[in-house]
Amino acid sequence: MSNPIIELKRKNRTFNSTWLKTYNGFEDCEEEEAKKIVEQLRELADIVCGHVQKGNIKERSVLKKHNVTEK
């Protein structure tokens, strides 16, 4: 049985205008503006996640090409 050093813990969170307004500087943000900002943050997160996933795939193929095993 595996004994991982780091465990991935998922939290179900709701990212919306109410969530955004809990951060300093956004408390008085108007509802429509807060919704736009949250949407921009979602788009940014999609881009970042896409790049990270592509990086992992490329890294694995380079390791495989050079016959290196991952630990």
C-alpha atoms as a PDB file:
ATOM      1  CA  MET A   1       0.000   0.000   0.000  1.00  0.00           C
ATOM      2  CA  SER A   2       1.247   3.458  -0.883  1.00  0.00           C
ATOM      3  CA  ASN A   3       2.040   5.992   1.807  1.00  0.00           C
ATOM      4  CA  PRO A   4       2.047   9.380   0.055  1.00  0.00           C
ATOM      5  CA  ILE A   5       4.041  12.178   1.616  1.00  0.00           C
ATOM      6  CA  ILE A   6       1.675  14.799   0.252  1.00  0.00           C
ATOM      7  CA  GLU A   7      -2.047  14.249   0.028  1.00  0.00           C
ATOM      8  CA  LEU A   8      -4.164  16.167  -2.435  1.00  0.00           C
ATOM      9  CA  LYS A   9      -7.103  17.697  -0.641  1.00  0.00           C
ATOM     10  CA  ARG A  10      -9.924  18.996  -2.788  1.00  0.00           C
ATOM     11  CA  LYS A  11     -12.216  21.621  -1.457  1.00  0.00           C
ATOM     12  CA  ASN A  12     -15.502  22.429  -3.053  1.00  0.00           C
ATOM     13  CA  ARG A  13     -15.536  26.176  -3.284  1.00  0.00           C
ATOM     14  CA  THR A  14     -17.816  28.623  -4.961  1.00  0.00           C
ATOM     15  CA  PHE A  15     -15.955  31.348  -6.793  1.00  0.00           C
ATOM     16  CA  ASN A  16     -18.375  34.190  -7.369  1.00  0.00           C
ATOM     17  CA  SER A  17     -18.808  37.887  -6.652  1.00  0.00           C
ATOM     18  CA  THR A  18     -19.565  37.200  -2.981  1.00  0.00           C
ATOM     19  CA  TRP A  19     -16.305  35.246  -2.637  1.00  0.00           C
ATOM     20  CA  LEU A  20     -14.342  38.020  -4.387  1.00  0.00           C
ATOM     21  CA  LYS A  21     -15.708  40.661  -2.014  1.00  0.00           C
ATOM     22  CA  THR A  22     -14.130  38.851   0.954  1.00  0.00           C
ATOM     23  CA  TYR A  23     -10.680  40.052  -0.203  1.00  0.00           C
ATOM     24  CA  ASN A  24      -9.089  43.373   0.718  1.00  0.00           C
ATOM     25  CA  GLY A  25      -9.731  45.989  -1.927  1.00  0.00           C
ATOM     26  CA  PHE A  26     -12.804  44.262  -3.339  1.00  0.00           C
ATOM     27  CA  GLU A  27     -15.234  44.764  -0.448  1.00  0.00           C
ATOM     28  CA  ASP A  28     -16.958  47.736  -2.086  1.00  0.00           C
ATOM     29  CA  CYS A  29     -16.783  46.402  -5.635  1.00  0.00           C
ATOM     30  CA  GLU A  30     -20.079  46.700  -7.510  1.00  0.00           C
ATOM     31  CA  GLU A  31     -21.834  43.427  -8.317  1.00  0.00           C
ATOM     32  CA  GLU A  32     -21.437  43.632 -12.105  1.00  0.00           C
ATOM     33  CA  GLU A  33     -17.765  44.569 -11.854  1.00  0.00           C
ATOM     34  CA  ALA A  34     -17.149  41.723  -9.386  1.00  0.00           C
ATOM     35  CA  LYS A  35     -18.790  39.255 -11.795  1.00  0.00           C
ATOM     36  CA  LYS A  36     -16.535  40.459 -14.631  1.00  0.00           C
ATOM     37  CA  ILE A  37     -13.428  40.079 -12.465  1.00  0.00           C
ATOM     38  CA  VAL A  38     -14.405  36.556 -11.390  1.00  0.00           C
ATOM     39  CA  GLU A  39     -14.922  35.590 -15.045  1.00  0.00           C
ATOM     40  CA  GLN A  40     -11.488  36.996 -15.923  1.00  0.00           C
ATOM     41  CA  LEU A  41      -9.954  34.993 -13.074  1.00  0.00           C
ATOM     42  CA  ARG A  42     -11.643  31.822 -14.385  1.00  0.00           C
ATOM     43  CA  GLU A  43     -10.244  32.448 -17.858  1.00  0.00           C
ATOM     44  CA  LEU A  44      -6.766  33.028 -16.424  1.00  0.00           C
ATOM     45  CA  ALA A  45      -6.996  29.825 -14.374  1.00  0.00           C
ATOM     46  CA  ASP A  46      -7.954  27.872 -17.509  1.00  0.00           C
ATOM     47  CA  ILE A  47      -4.923  29.243 -19.359  1.00  0.00           C
ATOM     48  CA  VAL A  48      -2.532  28.488 -16.495  1.00  0.00           C
ATOM     49  CA  CYS A  49      -3.888  24.968 -15.981  1.00  0.00           C
ATOM     50  CA  GLY A  50      -3.603  24.291 -19.708  1.00  0.00           C
ATOM     51  CA  HIS A  51       0.050  25.345 -19.735  1.00  0.00           C
ATOM     52  CA  VAL A  52       0.874  23.303 -16.642  1.00  0.00           C
ATOM     53  CA  GLN A  53      -0.761  20.189 -18.080  1.00  0.00           C
ATOM     54  CA  LYS A  54       1.067  20.600 -21.405  1.00  0.00           C
ATOM     55  CA  GLY A  55       4.332  21.062 -19.501  1.00  0.00           C
ATOM     56  CA  ASN A  56       3.812  17.817 -17.589  1.00  0.00           C
ATOM     57  CA  ILE A  57       3.111  15.909 -20.806  1.00  0.00           C
ATOM     58  CA  LYS A  58       6.232  17.317 -22.498  1.00  0.00           C
ATOM     59  CA  GLU A  59       8.354  16.596 -19.417  1.00  0.00           C
ATOM     60  CA  ARG A  60       7.216  12.967 -19.308  1.00  0.00           C
ATOM     61  CA  SER A  61       7.923  12.438 -23.000  1.00  0.00           C
ATOM     62  CA  VAL A  62      11.437  13.891 -22.593  1.00  0.00           C
ATOM     63  CA  LEU A  63      12.077  11.607 -19.616  1.00  0.00           C
ATOM     64  CA  LYS A  64      10.811   8.613 -21.565  1.00  0.00           C
ATOM     65  CA  LYS A  65      12.918   9.535 -24.607  1.00  0.00           C
ATOM     66  CA  HIS A  66      16.055   9.594 -22.458  1.00  0.00           C
ATOM     67  CA  ASN A  67      15.057   6.437 -20.600  1.00  0.00           C
ATOM     68  CA  VAL A  68      14.768   8.221 -17.250  1.00  0.00           C
ATOM     69  CA  THR A  69      12.351   6.854 -14.667  1.00  0.00           C
ATOM     70  CA  GLU A  70      10.272   9.119 -12.460  1.00  0.00           C
ATOM     71  CA  LYS A  71      10.287   8.715  -8.701  1.00  0.00           C
END
